[in-house]
Amino acid sequence: MATGSQGAKDTREAVSGAAHRAGEAASHAASTVQNTASHLADQARDAASSAASTVADRARQMGSAASQTAENLTGRVGSGMESAADSLREHAPNSGMLGSAASRVADTLESGGRYLQEEGLAGLGNDMTNFVKKNPIPALLLAFAFGVLIARVTRS
């Protein structure tokens, strides 16, 4: 019977050892899976960060290009206004009430065109900001009138 009991003890030790090794293998496998998952999560985070950075850079480039295009168009409008002033002076009468009115309109067109060419949209925006700060009530009334005008035009 001692041999049978020794055999059972050996079997228990073998099973215990196998269970211990299986536990270690499972722990190692779990650790490997955890490391792999952590590594994949880091890669995904880096890829998302890189993509967001690329999108932000592209948006900045597009905004800069749009801003440059708007500035160029503003300069062209200013040049067109100056050309219109020259044309008005050329074709308007030189004397009389109509001549003096045409001359004033031409002078206004020319100075407005020069302003747009020199200052651009940035200067126009700064001047509007200063106007609103100095004259808040008239600016509010102008904005309201402009809103009403836009509403009527779009309703028609």
C-alpha atoms as a PDB file:
ATOM      1  CA  MET A   1       0.000   0.000   0.000  1.00  0.00           C
ATOM      2  CA  ALA A   2       2.896   2.237   0.530  1.00  0.00           C
ATOM      3  CA  THR A   3       3.657   1.988  -3.140  1.00  0.00           C
ATOM      4  CA  GLY A   4       0.088   2.958  -4.035  1.00  0.00           C
ATOM      5  CA  SER A   5       0.209   5.889  -1.709  1.00  0.00           C
ATOM      6  CA  GLN A   6       3.609   6.878  -3.079  1.00  0.00           C
ATOM      7  CA  GLY A   7       2.171   6.646  -6.610  1.00  0.00           C
ATOM      8  CA  ALA A   8      -0.772   8.864  -5.665  1.00  0.00           C
ATOM      9  CA  LYS A   9       1.610  11.331  -4.049  1.00  0.00           C
ATOM     10  CA  ASP A  10       3.791  11.325  -7.168  1.00  0.00           C
ATOM     11  CA  THR A  11       0.722  11.817  -9.341  1.00  0.00           C
ATOM     12  CA  ARG A  12      -0.430  14.721  -7.162  1.00  0.00           C
ATOM     13  CA  GLU A  13       2.998  16.300  -7.339  1.00  0.00           C
ATOM     14  CA  ALA A  14       3.085  15.794 -11.106  1.00  0.00           C
ATOM     15  CA  VAL A  15      -0.392  17.316 -11.468  1.00  0.00           C
ATOM     16  CA  SER A  16       0.546  20.143  -9.115  1.00  0.00           C
ATOM     17  CA  GLY A  17       3.744  20.800 -11.080  1.00  0.00           C
ATOM     18  CA  ALA A  18       1.843  20.686 -14.373  1.00  0.00           C
ATOM     19  CA  ALA A  19      -0.791  23.048 -12.963  1.00  0.00           C
ATOM     20  CA  HIS A  20       1.942  25.374 -11.733  1.00  0.00           C
ATOM     21  CA  ARG A  21       3.645  25.359 -15.152  1.00  0.00           C
ATOM     22  CA  ALA A  22       0.282  25.874 -16.853  1.00  0.00           C
ATOM     23  CA  GLY A  23      -0.390  28.818 -14.537  1.00  0.00           C
ATOM     24  CA  GLU A  24       3.002  30.302 -15.334  1.00  0.00           C
ATOM     25  CA  ALA A  25       2.417  29.784 -19.062  1.00  0.00           C
ATOM     26  CA  ALA A  26      -1.029  31.415 -18.794  1.00  0.00           C
ATOM     27  CA  SER A  27       0.447  34.314 -16.825  1.00  0.00           C
ATOM     28  CA  HIS A  28       3.187  34.724 -19.424  1.00  0.00           C
ATOM     29  CA  ALA A  29       0.630  34.558 -22.250  1.00  0.00           C
ATOM     30  CA  ALA A  30      -1.572  37.149 -20.491  1.00  0.00           C
ATOM     31  CA  SER A  31       1.452  39.410 -20.012  1.00  0.00           C
ATOM     32  CA  THR A  32       2.372  39.028 -23.684  1.00  0.00           C
ATOM     33  CA  VAL A  33      -1.191  39.842 -24.766  1.00  0.00           C
ATOM     34  CA  GLN A  34      -1.245  42.852 -22.438  1.00  0.00           C
ATOM     35  CA  ASN A  35       2.077  44.132 -23.812  1.00  0.00           C
ATOM     36  CA  THR A  36       0.925  43.599 -27.383  1.00  0.00           C
ATOM     37  CA  ALA A  37      -2.369  45.380 -26.716  1.00  0.00           C
ATOM     38  CA  SER A  38      -0.540  48.244 -25.032  1.00  0.00           C
ATOM     39  CA  HIS A  39       1.861  48.498 -27.979  1.00  0.00           C
ATOM     40  CA  LEU A  40      -1.028  48.479 -30.474  1.00  0.00           C
ATOM     41  CA  ALA A  41      -2.850  51.151 -28.464  1.00  0.00           C
ATOM     42  CA  ASP A  42       0.312  53.304 -28.488  1.00  0.00           C
ATOM     43  CA  GLN A  43       0.622  52.868 -32.248  1.00  0.00           C
ATOM     44  CA  ALA A  44      -3.054  53.761 -32.760  1.00  0.00           C
ATOM     45  CA  ARG A  45      -2.683  56.855 -30.555  1.00  0.00           C
ATOM     46  CA  ASP A  46       0.445  57.927 -32.462  1.00  0.00           C
ATOM     47  CA  ALA A  47      -1.288  57.372 -35.800  1.00  0.00           C
ATOM     48  CA  ALA A  48      -4.344  59.371 -34.683  1.00  0.00           C
ATOM     49  CA  SER A  49      -2.128  62.175 -33.388  1.00  0.00           C
ATOM     50  CA  SER A  50      -0.174  62.228 -36.628  1.00  0.00           C
ATOM     51  CA  ALA A  51      -3.379  62.283 -38.680  1.00  0.00           C
ATOM     52  CA  ALA A  52      -4.812  65.124 -36.588  1.00  0.00           C
ATOM     53  CA  SER A  53      -1.595  67.079 -36.977  1.00  0.00           C
ATOM     54  CA  THR A  54      -1.641  66.538 -40.742  1.00  0.00           C
ATOM     55  CA  VAL A  55      -5.268  67.675 -40.963  1.00  0.00           C
ATOM     56  CA  ALA A  56      -4.516  70.768 -38.867  1.00  0.00           C
ATOM     57  CA  ASP A  57      -1.505  71.626 -41.037  1.00  0.00           C
ATOM     58  CA  ARG A  58      -3.571  71.185 -44.185  1.00  0.00           C
ATOM     59  CA  ALA A  59      -6.350  73.393 -42.779  1.00  0.00           C
ATOM     60  CA  ARG A  60      -3.793  76.098 -41.939  1.00  0.00           C
ATOM     61  CA  GLN A  61      -2.389  75.896 -45.472  1.00  0.00           C
ATOM     62  CA  MET A  62      -5.859  76.145 -46.997  1.00  0.00           C
ATOM     63  CA  GLY A  63      -6.740  79.074 -44.725  1.00  0.00           C
ATOM     64  CA  SER A  64      -3.541  80.840 -45.665  1.00  0.00           C
ATOM     65  CA  ALA A  65      -4.206  80.258 -49.362  1.00  0.00           C
ATOM     66  CA  ALA A  66      -7.777  81.544 -49.003  1.00  0.00           C
ATOM     67  CA  SER A  67      -6.533  84.600 -47.139  1.00  0.00           C
ATOM     68  CA  GLN A  68      -3.970  85.308 -49.837  1.00  0.00           C
ATOM     69  CA  THR A  69      -6.605  84.899 -52.548  1.00  0.00           C
ATOM     70  CA  ALA A  70      -8.945  87.296 -50.721  1.00  0.00           C
ATOM     71  CA  GLU A  71      -6.142  89.852 -50.389  1.00  0.00           C
ATOM     72  CA  ASN A  72      -5.369  89.524 -54.109  1.00  0.00           C
ATOM     73  CA  LEU A  73      -9.044  89.982 -54.982  1.00  0.00           C
ATOM     74  CA  THR A  74      -9.235  93.034 -52.740  1.00  0.00           C
ATOM     75  CA  GLY A  75      -6.282  94.544 -54.574  1.00  0.00           C
ATOM     76  CA  ARG A  76      -7.991  93.842 -57.900  1.00  0.00           C
ATOM     77  CA  VAL A  77     -11.208  95.477 -56.703  1.00  0.00           C
ATOM     78  CA  GLY A  78      -9.189  98.519 -55.645  1.00  0.00           C
ATOM     79  CA  SER A  79      -7.512  98.647 -59.035  1.00  0.00           C
ATOM     80  CA  GLY A  80     -10.897  98.311 -60.734  1.00  0.00           C
ATOM     81  CA  MET A  81     -12.261 101.185 -58.668  1.00  0.00           C
ATOM     82  CA  GLU A  82      -9.357 103.397 -59.739  1.00  0.00           C
ATOM     83  CA  SER A  83      -9.933 102.421 -63.379  1.00  0.00           C
ATOM     84  CA  ALA A  84     -13.630 103.244 -63.030  1.00  0.00           C
ATOM     85  CA  ALA A  85     -12.687 106.657 -61.591  1.00  0.00           C
ATOM     86  CA  ASP A  86     -10.408 107.331 -64.565  1.00  0.00           C
ATOM     87  CA  SER A  87     -13.125 106.235 -66.990  1.00  0.00           C
ATOM     88  CA  LEU A  88     -15.699 108.431 -65.246  1.00  0.00           C
ATOM     89  CA  ARG A  89     -13.402 111.448 -65.456  1.00  0.00           C
ATOM     90  CA  GLU A  90     -12.814 110.734 -69.139  1.00  0.00           C
ATOM     91  CA  HIS A  91     -16.477 110.473 -70.107  1.00  0.00           C
ATOM     92  CA  ALA A  92     -18.146 112.925 -67.717  1.00  0.00           C
ATOM     93  CA  PRO A  93     -18.675 116.570 -68.521  1.00  0.00           C
ATOM     94  CA  ASN A  94     -15.935 118.935 -67.299  1.00  0.00           C
ATOM     95  CA  SER A  95     -18.199 121.663 -65.978  1.00  0.00           C
ATOM     96  CA  GLY A  96     -21.581 122.235 -64.443  1.00  0.00           C
ATOM     97  CA  MET A  97     -23.378 120.451 -61.684  1.00  0.00           C
ATOM     98  CA  LEU A  98     -23.107 117.036 -63.388  1.00  0.00           C
ATOM     99  CA  GLY A  99     -19.381 117.580 -63.978  1.00  0.00           C
ATOM    100  CA  SER A 100     -18.674 118.467 -60.343  1.00  0.00           C
ATOM    101  CA  ALA A 101     -20.752 115.524 -59.070  1.00  0.00           C
ATOM    102  CA  ALA A 102     -18.935 113.159 -61.444  1.00  0.00           C
ATOM    103  CA  SER A 103     -15.607 114.579 -60.278  1.00  0.00           C
ATOM    104  CA  ARG A 104     -16.491 113.979 -56.610  1.00  0.00           C
ATOM    105  CA  VAL A 105     -17.650 110.424 -57.343  1.00  0.00           C
ATOM    106  CA  ALA A 106     -14.444 109.774 -59.303  1.00  0.00           C
ATOM    107  CA  ASP A 107     -12.326 111.177 -56.439  1.00  0.00           C
ATOM    108  CA  THR A 108     -14.173 108.962 -53.964  1.00  0.00           C
ATOM    109  CA  LEU A 109     -13.769 105.886 -56.170  1.00  0.00           C
ATOM    110  CA  GLU A 110     -10.079 106.609 -56.621  1.00  0.00           C
ATOM    111  CA  SER A 111      -9.366 107.111 -52.922  1.00  0.00           C
ATOM    112  CA  GLY A 112     -11.398 104.017 -52.017  1.00  0.00           C
ATOM    113  CA  GLY A 113      -9.526 101.964 -54.604  1.00  0.00           C
ATOM    114  CA  ARG A 114      -6.169 103.215 -53.338  1.00  0.00           C
ATOM    115  CA  TYR A 115      -7.219 102.410 -49.760  1.00  0.00           C
ATOM    116  CA  LEU A 116      -8.176  98.826 -50.709  1.00  0.00           C
ATOM    117  CA  GLN A 117      -4.902  98.310 -52.556  1.00  0.00           C
ATOM    118  CA  GLU A 118      -2.763  99.678 -49.716  1.00  0.00           C
ATOM    119  CA  GLU A 119      -4.621  98.378 -46.672  1.00  0.00           C
ATOM    120  CA  GLY A 120      -6.345  95.233 -47.946  1.00  0.00           C
ATOM    121  CA  LEU A 121      -8.817  93.250 -45.877  1.00  0.00           C
ATOM    122  CA  ALA A 122      -6.733  93.450 -42.709  1.00  0.00           C
ATOM    123  CA  GLY A 123      -6.774  97.254 -42.746  1.00  0.00           C
ATOM    124  CA  LEU A 124     -10.477  97.284 -43.549  1.00  0.00           C
ATOM    125  CA  GLY A 125     -11.171  94.926 -40.634  1.00  0.00           C
ATOM    126  CA  ASN A 126      -9.091  97.033 -38.237  1.00  0.00           C
ATOM    127  CA  ASP A 127     -10.854 100.220 -39.324  1.00  0.00           C
ATOM    128  CA  MET A 128     -14.266  98.610 -38.895  1.00  0.00           C
ATOM    129  CA  THR A 129     -13.298  97.383 -35.425  1.00  0.00           C
ATOM    130  CA  ASN A 130     -12.163 100.866 -34.431  1.00  0.00           C
ATOM    131  CA  PHE A 131     -15.367 102.394 -35.833  1.00  0.00           C
ATOM    132  CA  VAL A 132     -17.537  99.999 -33.825  1.00  0.00           C
ATOM    133  CA  LYS A 133     -15.531 100.692 -30.645  1.00  0.00           C
ATOM    134  CA  LYS A 134     -15.844 104.454 -31.078  1.00  0.00           C
ATOM    135  CA  ASN A 135     -19.478 104.445 -32.317  1.00  0.00           C
ATOM    136  CA  PRO A 136     -21.319 101.411 -30.916  1.00  0.00           C
ATOM    137  CA  ILE A 137     -24.889 102.718 -31.333  1.00  0.00           C
ATOM    138  CA  PRO A 138     -24.568 103.827 -34.983  1.00  0.00           C
ATOM    139  CA  ALA A 139     -22.714 100.580 -35.740  1.00  0.00           C
ATOM    140  CA  LEU A 140     -25.548  98.580 -34.194  1.00  0.00           C
ATOM    141  CA  LEU A 141     -28.127 100.535 -36.202  1.00  0.00           C
ATOM    142  CA  LEU A 142     -26.137  99.988 -39.417  1.00  0.00           C
ATOM    143  CA  ALA A 143     -25.893  96.260 -38.698  1.00  0.00           C
ATOM    144  CA  PHE A 144     -29.647  96.102 -38.061  1.00  0.00           C
ATOM    145  CA  ALA A 145     -30.414  97.996 -41.285  1.00  0.00           C
ATOM    146  CA  PHE A 146     -28.063  95.741 -43.217  1.00  0.00           C
ATOM    147  CA  GLY A 147     -29.777  92.665 -41.724  1.00  0.00           C
ATOM    148  CA  VAL A 148     -33.207  93.954 -42.727  1.00  0.00           C
ATOM    149  CA  LEU A 149     -31.931  94.659 -46.241  1.00  0.00           C
ATOM    150  CA  ILE A 150     -30.456  91.153 -46.548  1.00  0.00           C
ATOM    151  CA  ALA A 151     -33.693  89.607 -45.241  1.00  0.00           C
ATOM    152  CA  ARG A 152     -35.785  91.480 -47.810  1.00  0.00           C
ATOM    153  CA  VAL A 153     -33.464  90.588 -50.664  1.00  0.00           C
ATOM    154  CA  THR A 154     -33.382  86.890 -49.762  1.00  0.00           C
ATOM    155  CA  ARG A 155     -37.144  86.711 -49.250  1.00  0.00           C
ATOM    156  CA  SER A 156     -37.866  87.975 -52.751  1.00  0.00           C
END
